[in-house]
Amino acid sequence: RRVAEVGKLFADSGVVALCSFVSPYNKDRDLARELHKEVGLPFFEVHVSTSLEECEKRDVKGLYKKARAGLIKGFTGIDQPYEAPINPELAINTVNRSVDDCVQQIVEILQTNEILPRSVVEKVIDLTVPEESLEKAVAEAEDLPSVEITKLDLQWLQVLGEGWASPLTGFMREREFLQCQHFNCLLDDGVTNQSVPIVLPVSTEDKEKLASCKQITLRYNGVAKAIIRDPEFYEHRKEERCARQFGMFNDGHPYIKMINESGDWLVGGDVEVLGRIVWNDGLDQYRLTPNQLRAKFREMHADAVFAFQLRNPVHNGHALLMNDCKRQLVERGFEKPVLLLHPLGGWTKDDDVPLGVRMEQHKAIMDEGVLDPESTVLAIFPSPMMYAGPTEVQWHAKARMSTGANFYIVGRDPAGMPHPDPPKRDIYQPTHGGKVLGMAPGLTQLEIIPFKVAAYDMKAKAMAFFDPHRREDFDFISGTRMRGLARSGVMPPDGFMAPKAWTVLANYYQSLTAK
């Protein structure tokens, strides 16, 4: 009763009180419930349903062992009864579950009952129709008015469907779009970082045809891919969108060009994706969803996950950075840090190395042991690339939070590209991406690991962190120079890239020359 009364005082003052007591009898728990109910305060009975056998296995303080030996009398579960809750609001099975997963169950029930904002819940919102309901949903979709979407739209649909953009439940409605554009966040029910708009452009003709519909089907190459419920149409103000997202409105920027060529209207609404989106390109086994990656990390017993976003081939400077991050985590006491090597797999500009080549090159890096295959997960991030600099890098970091990653490596000029107009320069200041990530709201789960500049150490004949005191010993091998070497069939300096990985890259660039 004393615990219940104190808990009630906390609850009455607006504090969530977690009362973690054994409380073996139903009558005591019923009394606690009534005390709260009488004054209109919410009460949740949470049964941590760990078996006696499992409790005895854990026995951190050796109390079960003493109770079995008769040294402790009146011990719950040994010589004292325990009455399991009959109808608890939540039952948590802690066997083979991480502490974080169990905590999220409690956070989730508080969020469902509107006690905590949605933004604190790390649950991945998967919008894919469950297998048992798929046939019925597809049949419904076939009878609905429909609109044809592009390959780029389908990639964004995959991002939404798999939960990378949680807590979004579909393409952005105007309210969400405005929050994203003006604040880089979703603000309803807490603050969630969402720096890039995930929107669906449609033509004026399609808008006029579908404006009165309550549901519409999205088709790709004529095949039904998703249903949008309660669609909302609003103006696609392209110049304003680009100025806010990219800091420019220039058709020389390839993603801006695609926006400019897209429909003059946007349609938002809740989405139901009709089955997992696959591409049948031989790489679908690497397209792991956030939930699949979480399961993979649990299977590996990871106690820290550090993510590395990339859209380019990996050289030994990148590997040095990743391995150094792992070293730092081990020194901080983590026993099983796991690297998520997570190349971007959606649309990229024409002169970027294609995904298939990059994946083959990344596998070669792991085959040669430059990255430890036992503590590395290679998977594809399905998002398109936007080349939006510091604005986009927040999206890259936020999306990895859905996998359970808690460390994120940020590089130089992340999500940047050269300015399309002369003189020769970058669009974004190279260090701003990392600085912005360190300040961005809604990314509190992630610790940002800043990029250290690596270059080829001509004395050590290996990639090393740049030492300004030995400036003359370092060779900065640019992407342009690397491509030139690959095209001409010339090997780079020893230690720049694993030989097998270089061969993959050289073969690709030489095939372009042959064409």
Protein backbone atom coordinates (compact mmCIF):
# COMPACT_ATOMS: atom_id res chain seq x y z
CA ARG A 1 0.00 0.00 0.00
CA ARG A 2 2.82 2.43 0.83
CA VAL A 3 4.40 1.89 -2.61
CA ALA A 4 1.02 2.43 -4.30
CA GLU A 5 0.41 5.65 -2.36
CA VAL A 6 3.86 7.06 -3.19
CA GLY A 7 3.42 6.05 -6.85
CA LYS A 8 0.06 7.86 -6.86
CA LEU A 9 1.67 11.04 -5.55
CA PHE A 10 4.24 10.96 -8.37
CA ALA A 11 1.55 10.24 -10.99
CA ASP A 12 -0.57 13.10 -9.65
CA SER A 13 2.37 15.47 -10.17
CA GLY A 14 2.72 14.42 -13.84
CA VAL A 15 5.60 11.96 -13.38
CA VAL A 16 5.56 8.42 -14.78
CA ALA A 17 6.38 6.23 -11.76
CA LEU A 18 7.88 2.80 -12.48
CA CYS A 19 7.35 0.62 -9.41
CA SER A 20 9.53 -2.45 -9.90
CA PHE A 21 8.55 -4.57 -6.88
CA VAL A 22 7.91 -8.31 -6.72
CA SER A 23 4.34 -7.78 -5.45
CA PRO A 24 3.41 -11.50 -5.35
CA TYR A 25 -0.31 -11.23 -4.46
CA ASN A 26 -3.22 -10.21 -6.70
CA LYS A 27 -5.04 -8.45 -3.86
CA ASP A 28 -2.15 -6.00 -3.32
CA ARG A 29 -1.96 -5.17 -7.01
CA ASP A 30 -5.76 -4.72 -7.16
CA LEU A 31 -5.54 -2.30 -4.24
CA ALA A 32 -2.87 -0.26 -6.06
CA ARG A 33 -5.09 -0.12 -9.14
CA GLU A 34 -8.11 1.06 -7.12
CA LEU A 35 -6.12 3.82 -5.40
CA HIS A 36 -5.27 5.28 -8.82
CA LYS A 37 -8.69 4.66 -10.34
CA GLU A 38 -10.43 6.52 -7.49
CA VAL A 39 -8.68 9.77 -8.42
CA GLY A 40 -8.72 9.26 -12.22
CA LEU A 41 -5.03 8.42 -12.65
CA PRO A 42 -3.89 5.81 -15.21
CA PHE A 43 -2.49 2.55 -13.85
CA PHE A 44 -0.75 -0.24 -15.77
CA GLU A 45 -0.01 -3.68 -14.41
CA VAL A 46 3.13 -5.01 -16.10
CA HIS A 47 3.96 -8.69 -15.69
CA VAL A 48 7.65 -9.39 -16.23
CA SER A 49 6.88 -13.01 -17.06
CA THR A 50 10.31 -14.58 -16.61
CA SER A 51 10.16 -18.22 -15.57
CA LEU A 52 11.49 -19.38 -12.21
CA GLU A 53 14.04 -21.53 -14.06
CA GLU A 54 15.36 -18.47 -15.92
CA CYS A 55 15.46 -16.37 -12.71
CA GLU A 56 17.55 -19.06 -11.05
CA LYS A 57 19.91 -19.15 -14.02
CA ARG A 58 20.50 -15.40 -13.76
CA ASP A 59 20.62 -15.17 -9.92
CA VAL A 60 22.93 -12.13 -9.98
CA LYS A 61 23.11 -11.86 -6.17
CA GLY A 62 23.05 -15.60 -5.43
CA LEU A 63 19.74 -15.26 -3.52
CA TYR A 64 17.96 -18.15 -5.25
CA LYS A 65 20.87 -20.43 -4.42
CA LYS A 66 20.67 -19.40 -0.76
CA ALA A 67 16.86 -19.87 -0.73
CA ARG A 68 17.24 -23.39 -2.19
CA ALA A 69 19.77 -24.15 0.56
CA GLY A 70 17.28 -22.94 3.19
CA LEU A 71 19.42 -19.96 4.17
CA ILE A 72 16.69 -17.49 3.19
CA LYS A 73 13.10 -18.13 4.31
CA GLY A 74 9.89 -16.78 2.71
CA PHE A 75 11.48 -16.36 -0.71
CA THR A 76 8.96 -15.72 -3.50
CA GLY A 77 8.76 -18.64 -5.92
CA ILE A 78 10.74 -21.03 -3.67
CA ASP A 79 8.88 -21.40 -0.36
CA GLN A 80 6.48 -18.48 -0.82
CA PRO A 81 3.70 -18.35 -3.45
CA TYR A 82 3.60 -16.06 -6.47
CA GLU A 83 0.18 -15.29 -8.01
CA ALA A 84 0.67 -14.45 -11.67
CA PRO A 85 -1.43 -11.49 -12.90
CA ILE A 86 -4.73 -12.59 -14.45
CA ASN A 87 -5.16 -9.78 -16.96
CA PRO A 88 -2.15 -7.41 -16.97
CA GLU A 89 -2.03 -4.46 -19.38
CA LEU A 90 1.37 -5.74 -20.53
CA ALA A 91 3.30 -9.01 -20.25
CA ILE A 92 7.03 -8.90 -21.01
CA ASN A 93 8.90 -12.09 -21.77
CA THR A 94 12.56 -11.22 -21.14
CA VAL A 95 14.08 -14.49 -22.40
CA ASN A 96 16.19 -13.95 -25.55
CA ARG A 97 15.13 -10.29 -25.63
CA SER A 98 17.40 -7.27 -25.25
CA VAL A 99 16.82 -4.76 -22.45
CA ASP A 100 16.10 -2.10 -25.10
CA ASP A 101 13.36 -4.24 -26.67
CA CYS A 102 11.68 -4.77 -23.30
CA VAL A 103 11.91 -1.07 -22.45
CA GLN A 104 10.33 -0.21 -25.79
CA GLN A 105 7.31 -2.38 -24.94
CA ILE A 106 6.69 -0.23 -21.87
CA VAL A 107 7.31 2.99 -23.78
CA GLU A 108 4.91 1.79 -26.49
CA ILE A 109 2.00 1.16 -24.11
CA LEU A 110 2.51 4.61 -22.59
CA GLN A 111 2.53 6.14 -26.08
CA THR A 112 -0.59 4.20 -27.13
CA ASN A 113 -2.38 5.63 -24.10
CA GLU A 114 -1.19 9.17 -24.98
CA ILE A 115 1.04 9.50 -21.91
CA LEU A 116 4.28 9.77 -23.93
CA PRO A 117 4.70 11.39 -27.39
CA ARG A 118 5.09 9.17 -30.44
CA SER A 119 8.63 10.49 -31.04
CA VAL A 120 10.06 8.57 -28.07
CA VAL A 121 8.98 5.18 -29.47
CA GLU A 122 11.68 3.40 -31.45
CA LYS A 123 9.16 1.04 -33.03
CA VAL A 124 9.55 0.56 -36.78
CA ILE A 125 6.26 1.25 -38.57
CA ASP A 126 6.15 -1.33 -41.37
CA LEU A 127 3.44 -0.42 -43.88
CA THR A 128 3.51 -3.73 -45.76
CA VAL A 129 0.20 -5.60 -45.85
CA PRO A 130 0.54 -8.85 -43.81
CA GLU A 131 0.73 -12.05 -45.86
CA GLU A 132 -2.63 -13.32 -44.56
CA SER A 133 -4.40 -10.13 -45.76
CA LEU A 134 -2.51 -9.67 -49.02
CA GLU A 135 -4.85 -11.50 -51.40
CA LYS A 136 -7.85 -9.47 -50.22
CA ALA A 137 -5.90 -6.18 -50.42
CA VAL A 138 -4.68 -6.90 -53.96
CA ALA A 139 -8.23 -7.73 -55.05
CA GLU A 140 -9.42 -4.41 -53.62
CA ALA A 141 -6.59 -2.53 -55.35
CA GLU A 142 -7.54 -3.96 -58.74
CA ASP A 143 -11.00 -2.35 -58.48
CA LEU A 144 -9.80 1.11 -57.38
CA PRO A 145 -8.97 4.13 -59.56
CA SER A 146 -5.22 4.18 -60.08
CA VAL A 147 -2.20 6.30 -60.97
CA GLU A 148 1.06 5.14 -62.56
CA ILE A 149 4.22 5.92 -60.57
CA THR A 150 7.87 6.16 -61.62
CA LYS A 151 10.83 4.01 -60.56
CA LEU A 152 11.93 6.84 -58.25
CA ASP A 153 8.47 6.88 -56.64
CA LEU A 154 8.65 3.10 -56.18
CA GLN A 155 11.98 3.46 -54.37
CA TRP A 156 10.41 5.98 -51.97
CA LEU A 157 7.43 3.63 -51.56
CA GLN A 158 9.87 0.90 -50.51
CA VAL A 159 11.47 3.29 -48.00
CA LEU A 160 8.05 4.01 -46.49
CA GLY A 161 6.82 0.42 -46.63
CA GLU A 162 9.79 -1.04 -44.78
CA GLY A 163 9.69 1.59 -42.03
CA TRP A 164 12.85 3.59 -42.75
CA ALA A 165 10.87 6.81 -42.37
CA SER A 166 8.99 5.86 -39.17
CA PRO A 167 6.76 7.33 -37.83
CA LEU A 168 5.46 8.38 -41.27
CA THR A 169 2.48 6.24 -42.29
CA GLY A 170 2.53 7.21 -45.94
CA PHE A 171 3.48 9.90 -48.43
CA MET A 172 3.46 13.27 -46.66
CA ARG A 173 0.27 15.24 -46.34
CA GLU A 174 0.63 19.02 -46.61
CA ARG A 175 0.96 19.52 -42.84
CA GLU A 176 3.85 17.01 -42.63
CA PHE A 177 5.43 18.47 -45.79
CA LEU A 178 5.43 21.99 -44.33
CA GLN A 179 6.92 20.79 -41.04
CA CYS A 180 9.66 18.96 -42.94
CA GLN A 181 10.42 21.91 -45.23
CA HIS A 182 10.48 24.60 -42.56
CA PHE A 183 11.75 22.72 -39.49
CA ASN A 184 13.45 19.55 -40.86
CA CYS A 185 11.27 17.70 -38.36
CA LEU A 186 7.84 16.22 -37.80
CA LEU A 187 6.33 18.09 -34.87
CA ASP A 188 3.00 16.38 -34.14
CA ASP A 189 3.21 14.24 -31.01
CA GLY A 190 6.85 15.04 -30.22
CA VAL A 191 9.87 16.00 -32.34
CA THR A 192 11.10 13.49 -34.94
CA ASN A 193 13.89 14.40 -37.35
CA GLN A 194 12.69 14.24 -40.96
CA SER A 195 14.84 16.57 -43.03
CA VAL A 196 13.81 15.49 -46.55
CA PRO A 197 10.28 15.41 -47.95
CA ILE A 198 8.93 12.00 -48.95
CA VAL A 199 6.22 13.02 -51.37
CA LEU A 200 4.40 11.69 -54.43
CA PRO A 201 4.07 14.07 -57.41
CA VAL A 202 1.14 13.65 -59.80
CA SER A 203 0.05 15.47 -62.94
CA THR A 204 -2.84 17.93 -63.07
CA GLU A 205 -4.73 15.41 -65.22
CA ASP A 206 -4.35 12.66 -62.59
CA LYS A 207 -5.20 15.06 -59.76
CA GLU A 208 -8.46 16.08 -61.43
CA LYS A 209 -9.34 12.44 -62.14
CA LEU A 210 -8.64 11.25 -58.58
CA ALA A 211 -9.42 14.25 -56.35
CA SER A 212 -12.80 12.91 -55.18
CA CYS A 213 -11.57 9.33 -54.52
CA LYS A 214 -11.35 7.93 -50.99
CA GLN A 215 -8.76 5.32 -51.98
CA ILE A 216 -6.43 5.06 -54.97
CA THR A 217 -4.06 2.39 -56.23
CA LEU A 218 -0.44 3.09 -57.09
CA ARG A 219 0.77 1.10 -60.10
CA TYR A 220 4.28 0.56 -61.43
CA ASN A 221 4.48 -0.77 -64.99
CA GLY A 222 0.79 -1.53 -64.65
CA VAL A 223 1.19 -3.68 -61.51
CA ALA A 224 -0.63 -2.66 -58.32
CA LYS A 225 1.98 -1.83 -55.68
CA ALA A 226 0.09 0.05 -52.95
CA ILE A 227 -3.15 1.65 -51.85
CA ILE A 228 -3.36 5.24 -50.57
CA ARG A 229 -6.21 5.82 -48.13
CA ASP A 230 -7.95 9.20 -47.79
CA PRO A 231 -5.66 10.97 -50.28
CA GLU A 232 -4.94 14.69 -49.93
CA PHE A 233 -3.84 16.73 -52.96
CA TYR A 234 -1.86 19.96 -52.63
CA GLU A 235 0.26 22.23 -54.80
CA HIS A 236 3.80 21.14 -55.68
CA ARG A 237 5.70 24.39 -55.29
CA LYS A 238 8.88 23.15 -56.91
CA GLU A 239 11.10 26.21 -56.68
CA GLU A 240 10.30 26.75 -53.00
CA ARG A 241 10.78 23.05 -52.26
CA CYS A 242 14.19 22.98 -53.94
CA ALA A 243 15.37 26.27 -52.44
CA ARG A 244 14.64 24.95 -48.96
CA GLN A 245 15.94 21.41 -49.50
CA PHE A 246 18.99 22.07 -51.70
CA GLY A 247 19.70 25.77 -51.15
CA MET A 248 19.42 26.28 -54.92
CA PHE A 249 17.06 25.95 -57.89
CA ASN A 250 19.29 24.87 -60.76
CA ASP A 251 18.44 22.31 -63.43
CA GLY A 252 22.12 21.38 -63.59
CA HIS A 253 21.52 19.53 -60.31
CA PRO A 254 20.17 16.11 -61.38
CA TYR A 255 17.64 15.62 -58.57
CA ILE A 256 16.33 19.18 -58.94
CA LYS A 257 15.90 18.46 -62.65
CA MET A 258 13.75 15.41 -61.81
CA ILE A 259 11.64 17.48 -59.40
CA ASN A 260 11.15 20.13 -62.06
CA GLU A 261 10.00 17.50 -64.58
CA SER A 262 7.58 15.85 -62.12
CA GLY A 263 3.88 16.59 -61.57
CA ASP A 264 2.53 19.97 -60.44
CA TRP A 265 0.61 18.41 -57.53
CA LEU A 266 1.54 16.27 -54.55
CA VAL A 267 -0.69 13.58 -53.09
CA GLY A 268 -0.31 12.40 -49.50
CA GLY A 269 -2.11 9.80 -47.41
CA ASP A 270 -1.77 6.59 -45.47
CA VAL A 271 -0.14 3.84 -47.52
CA GLU A 272 -0.63 0.07 -47.55
CA VAL A 273 2.14 -1.62 -49.56
CA LEU A 274 1.01 -4.74 -51.39
CA GLY A 275 3.84 -7.10 -50.43
CA ARG A 276 7.61 -6.61 -50.16
CA ILE A 277 9.07 -4.60 -53.03
CA VAL A 278 11.80 -6.57 -54.82
CA TRP A 279 13.94 -5.70 -57.85
CA ASN A 280 15.04 -9.17 -59.03
CA ASP A 281 18.55 -7.89 -59.80
CA GLY A 282 20.44 -10.54 -57.84
CA LEU A 283 20.82 -8.19 -54.85
CA ASP A 284 17.48 -8.56 -53.05
CA GLN A 285 19.09 -10.76 -50.38
CA TYR A 286 21.03 -7.65 -49.27
CA ARG A 287 17.92 -5.48 -49.01
CA LEU A 288 17.28 -6.15 -45.34
CA THR A 289 14.48 -4.19 -43.68
CA PRO A 290 15.05 -2.34 -40.38
CA ASN A 291 13.32 -5.16 -38.50
CA GLN A 292 15.43 -7.79 -40.25
CA LEU A 293 18.60 -5.87 -39.39
CA ARG A 294 17.54 -5.57 -35.75
CA ALA A 295 17.03 -9.34 -35.66
CA LYS A 296 20.44 -9.86 -37.31
CA PHE A 297 22.17 -7.69 -34.72
CA ARG A 298 20.43 -9.59 -31.90
CA GLU A 299 21.57 -12.88 -33.45
CA MET A 300 25.14 -11.54 -33.49
CA HIS A 301 24.81 -10.44 -29.82
CA ALA A 302 25.82 -6.90 -30.81
CA ASP A 303 26.07 -4.50 -27.88
CA ALA A 304 26.80 -1.54 -30.19
CA VAL A 305 25.99 -0.94 -33.86
CA PHE A 306 27.93 1.68 -35.83
CA ALA A 307 26.66 2.59 -39.29
CA PHE A 308 28.61 3.81 -42.31
CA GLN A 309 26.65 5.36 -45.21
CA LEU A 310 28.30 5.31 -48.61
CA ARG A 311 27.56 5.61 -52.31
CA ASN A 312 31.14 5.12 -53.56
CA PRO A 313 33.62 2.22 -53.63
CA VAL A 314 35.47 1.54 -50.36
CA HIS A 315 39.20 2.25 -50.23
CA ASN A 316 41.52 1.51 -47.33
CA GLY A 317 41.06 5.04 -45.96
CA HIS A 318 37.37 4.33 -45.41
CA ALA A 319 38.27 0.97 -43.86
CA LEU A 320 40.79 2.69 -41.56
CA LEU A 321 38.03 4.98 -40.30
CA MET A 322 35.59 2.09 -39.71
CA ASN A 323 38.19 -0.05 -37.96
CA ASP A 324 39.26 2.89 -35.82
CA CYS A 325 35.64 3.44 -34.80
CA LYS A 326 35.44 -0.20 -33.73
CA ARG A 327 38.67 0.22 -31.73
CA GLN A 328 37.23 3.24 -29.92
CA LEU A 329 34.06 1.35 -29.01
CA VAL A 330 36.03 -1.61 -27.65
CA GLU A 331 38.13 0.77 -25.57
CA ARG A 332 34.91 2.23 -24.17
CA GLY A 333 33.88 -1.20 -22.91
CA PHE A 334 31.69 -2.61 -25.69
CA GLU A 335 32.32 -6.31 -26.17
CA LYS A 336 30.67 -6.95 -29.54
CA PRO A 337 30.44 -3.80 -31.69
CA VAL A 338 29.04 -4.55 -35.14
CA LEU A 339 29.54 -2.48 -38.29
CA LEU A 340 26.56 -1.83 -40.57
CA LEU A 341 28.16 -1.25 -43.98
CA HIS A 342 25.16 0.31 -45.66
CA PRO A 343 25.54 1.48 -49.26
CA LEU A 344 22.73 3.54 -50.71
CA GLY A 345 20.76 1.46 -53.22
CA GLY A 346 18.23 3.84 -54.77
CA TRP A 347 18.66 6.28 -57.64
CA THR A 348 22.09 7.90 -58.07
CA LYS A 349 23.40 10.23 -60.76
CA ASP A 350 24.69 8.77 -64.02
CA ASP A 351 28.42 9.12 -63.29
CA ASP A 352 28.25 7.29 -59.94
CA VAL A 353 29.39 3.65 -59.85
CA PRO A 354 26.32 1.37 -60.28
CA LEU A 355 25.02 -0.50 -57.24
CA GLY A 356 25.87 -3.98 -58.58
CA VAL A 357 29.53 -3.01 -59.09
CA ARG A 358 29.73 -1.34 -55.69
CA MET A 359 28.28 -4.38 -53.94
CA GLU A 360 30.79 -6.68 -55.66
CA GLN A 361 33.59 -4.31 -54.63
CA HIS A 362 32.36 -4.17 -51.02
CA LYS A 363 32.20 -7.97 -50.86
CA ALA A 364 35.78 -8.14 -52.15
CA ILE A 365 36.87 -5.77 -49.35
CA MET A 366 35.37 -8.18 -46.82
CA ASP A 367 36.72 -11.28 -48.58
CA GLU A 368 40.24 -9.86 -48.25
CA GLY A 369 39.73 -9.20 -44.54
CA VAL A 370 40.14 -5.42 -44.77
CA LEU A 371 36.86 -5.34 -42.85
CA ASP A 372 36.12 -8.19 -40.46
CA PRO A 373 33.31 -10.28 -42.02
CA GLU A 374 32.46 -11.73 -38.58
CA SER A 375 31.52 -8.31 -37.18
CA THR A 376 30.25 -6.59 -40.34
CA VAL A 377 26.78 -6.66 -41.87
CA LEU A 378 26.66 -5.63 -45.54
CA ALA A 379 23.16 -4.51 -46.53
CA ILE A 380 21.49 -2.11 -48.99
CA PHE A 381 19.74 1.08 -47.91
CA PRO A 382 16.87 1.51 -50.44
CA SER A 383 16.70 5.31 -50.43
CA PRO A 384 17.36 7.37 -53.55
CA MET A 385 20.27 9.83 -53.36
CA MET A 386 19.33 13.52 -53.47
CA TYR A 387 22.73 15.28 -53.19
CA ALA A 388 21.23 17.73 -50.70
CA GLY A 389 24.26 18.04 -48.42
CA PRO A 390 23.71 18.77 -44.70
CA THR A 391 19.93 18.55 -45.13
CA GLU A 392 20.13 15.05 -46.59
CA VAL A 393 22.78 13.73 -44.18
CA GLN A 394 20.24 14.11 -41.36
CA TRP A 395 17.94 11.75 -43.28
CA HIS A 396 20.76 9.23 -43.73
CA ALA A 397 21.45 9.24 -39.99
CA LYS A 398 17.79 9.22 -38.89
CA ALA A 399 16.94 6.27 -41.16
CA ARG A 400 19.74 4.17 -39.60
CA MET A 401 18.21 4.74 -36.16
CA SER A 402 15.37 2.47 -37.29
CA THR A 403 17.86 -0.43 -37.47
CA GLY A 404 18.86 0.07 -33.83
CA ALA A 405 22.19 1.71 -34.76
CA ASN A 406 23.52 3.91 -31.98
CA PHE A 407 26.69 5.27 -33.62
CA TYR A 408 26.95 6.93 -37.03
CA ILE A 409 30.14 7.78 -38.93
CA VAL A 410 29.88 11.03 -40.88
CA GLY A 411 32.34 11.78 -43.67
CA ARG A 412 33.64 14.84 -45.49
CA ASP A 413 31.05 16.64 -47.64
CA PRO A 414 28.36 14.00 -47.00
CA ALA A 415 25.63 13.92 -49.67
CA GLY A 416 27.45 16.66 -51.56
CA MET A 417 28.40 17.14 -55.21
CA PRO A 418 30.25 19.69 -57.37
CA HIS A 419 28.36 22.86 -58.22
CA PRO A 420 26.81 22.56 -61.71
CA ASP A 421 27.98 26.08 -62.68
CA PRO A 422 31.53 27.46 -62.96
CA PRO A 423 33.83 28.22 -61.26
CA LYS A 424 34.81 24.72 -60.06
CA ARG A 425 33.63 24.29 -56.44
CA ASP A 426 31.40 22.18 -54.18
CA ILE A 427 27.77 23.15 -53.56
CA TYR A 428 28.13 22.64 -49.79
CA GLN A 429 30.93 23.48 -47.37
CA PRO A 430 32.59 20.08 -46.72
CA THR A 431 32.52 20.19 -42.90
CA HIS A 432 28.96 21.45 -42.50
CA GLY A 433 27.34 18.00 -42.78
CA GLY A 434 29.18 16.74 -39.70
CA LYS A 435 28.58 19.97 -37.77
CA VAL A 436 24.87 19.97 -38.56
CA LEU A 437 24.50 16.33 -37.48
CA GLY A 438 26.01 17.21 -34.12
CA MET A 439 23.28 19.82 -33.57
CA ALA A 440 20.27 18.31 -35.36
CA PRO A 441 17.11 17.77 -33.28
CA GLY A 442 15.50 14.35 -33.01
CA LEU A 443 18.72 12.31 -33.32
CA THR A 444 19.43 11.83 -29.63
CA GLN A 445 19.70 8.02 -29.97
CA LEU A 446 22.73 8.41 -32.25
CA GLU A 447 26.23 9.39 -31.26
CA ILE A 448 27.95 11.01 -34.23
CA ILE A 449 31.51 9.81 -34.90
CA PRO A 450 33.29 12.57 -36.85
CA PHE A 451 35.31 11.73 -39.94
CA LYS A 452 39.09 11.88 -39.64
CA VAL A 453 40.92 12.85 -42.81
CA ALA A 454 42.82 9.88 -44.25
CA ALA A 455 45.39 9.98 -47.04
CA TYR A 456 48.05 7.73 -48.52
CA ASP A 457 51.16 7.73 -46.32
CA MET A 458 54.01 7.34 -48.83
CA LYS A 459 56.50 6.36 -46.10
CA ALA A 460 54.29 3.70 -44.50
CA LYS A 461 52.86 2.68 -47.93
CA ALA A 462 49.38 2.54 -46.41
CA MET A 463 46.36 4.72 -45.84
CA ALA A 464 46.75 6.65 -42.58
CA PHE A 465 45.19 9.54 -40.72
CA PHE A 466 46.66 12.76 -42.08
CA ASP A 467 49.39 14.31 -39.96
CA PRO A 468 49.80 18.02 -40.83
CA HIS A 469 53.31 17.93 -39.33
CA ARG A 470 54.32 15.47 -42.07
CA ARG A 471 52.32 17.05 -44.89
CA GLU A 472 54.93 16.20 -47.52
CA ASP A 473 54.62 12.45 -46.75
CA PHE A 474 50.92 12.25 -47.69
CA ASP A 475 49.33 11.83 -51.09
CA PHE A 476 45.65 12.74 -51.44
CA ILE A 477 44.36 10.45 -54.17
CA SER A 478 41.25 12.11 -55.57
CA GLY A 479 38.27 10.31 -57.05
CA THR A 480 39.16 11.72 -60.47
CA ARG A 481 42.70 10.33 -60.23
CA MET A 482 41.44 6.98 -58.96
CA ARG A 483 39.06 6.69 -61.93
CA GLY A 484 41.88 7.60 -64.31
CA LEU A 485 44.13 4.87 -62.91
CA ALA A 486 41.31 2.33 -63.12
CA ARG A 487 40.48 3.21 -66.75
CA SER A 488 44.10 2.98 -67.83
CA GLY A 489 44.66 -0.35 -66.05
CA VAL A 490 47.34 1.10 -63.77
CA MET A 491 47.51 -0.25 -60.20
CA PRO A 492 47.20 2.32 -57.41
CA PRO A 493 49.94 2.57 -54.77
CA ASP A 494 50.24 -0.52 -52.57
CA GLY A 495 47.91 -0.23 -49.59
CA PHE A 496 45.39 2.14 -51.21
CA MET A 497 42.76 -0.52 -51.93
CA ALA A 498 42.57 -4.29 -51.55
CA PRO A 499 43.77 -5.85 -54.87
CA LYS A 500 40.62 -7.94 -55.42
CA ALA A 501 38.43 -4.88 -54.81
CA TRP A 502 40.57 -2.79 -57.18
CA THR A 503 40.17 -5.40 -59.91
CA VAL A 504 36.37 -5.12 -59.64
CA LEU A 505 36.60 -1.34 -60.02
CA ALA A 506 39.17 -1.43 -62.82
CA ASN A 507 37.10 -3.93 -64.81
CA TYR A 508 34.08 -1.64 -64.55
CA TYR A 509 35.87 1.52 -65.72
CA GLN A 510 37.68 -0.33 -68.51
CA SER A 511 34.32 -1.67 -69.72
CA LEU A 512 33.12 1.94 -70.04
CA THR A 513 36.22 2.82 -72.09
CA ALA A 514 35.60 -0.18 -74.35
CA LYS A 515 32.05 1.06 -75.03
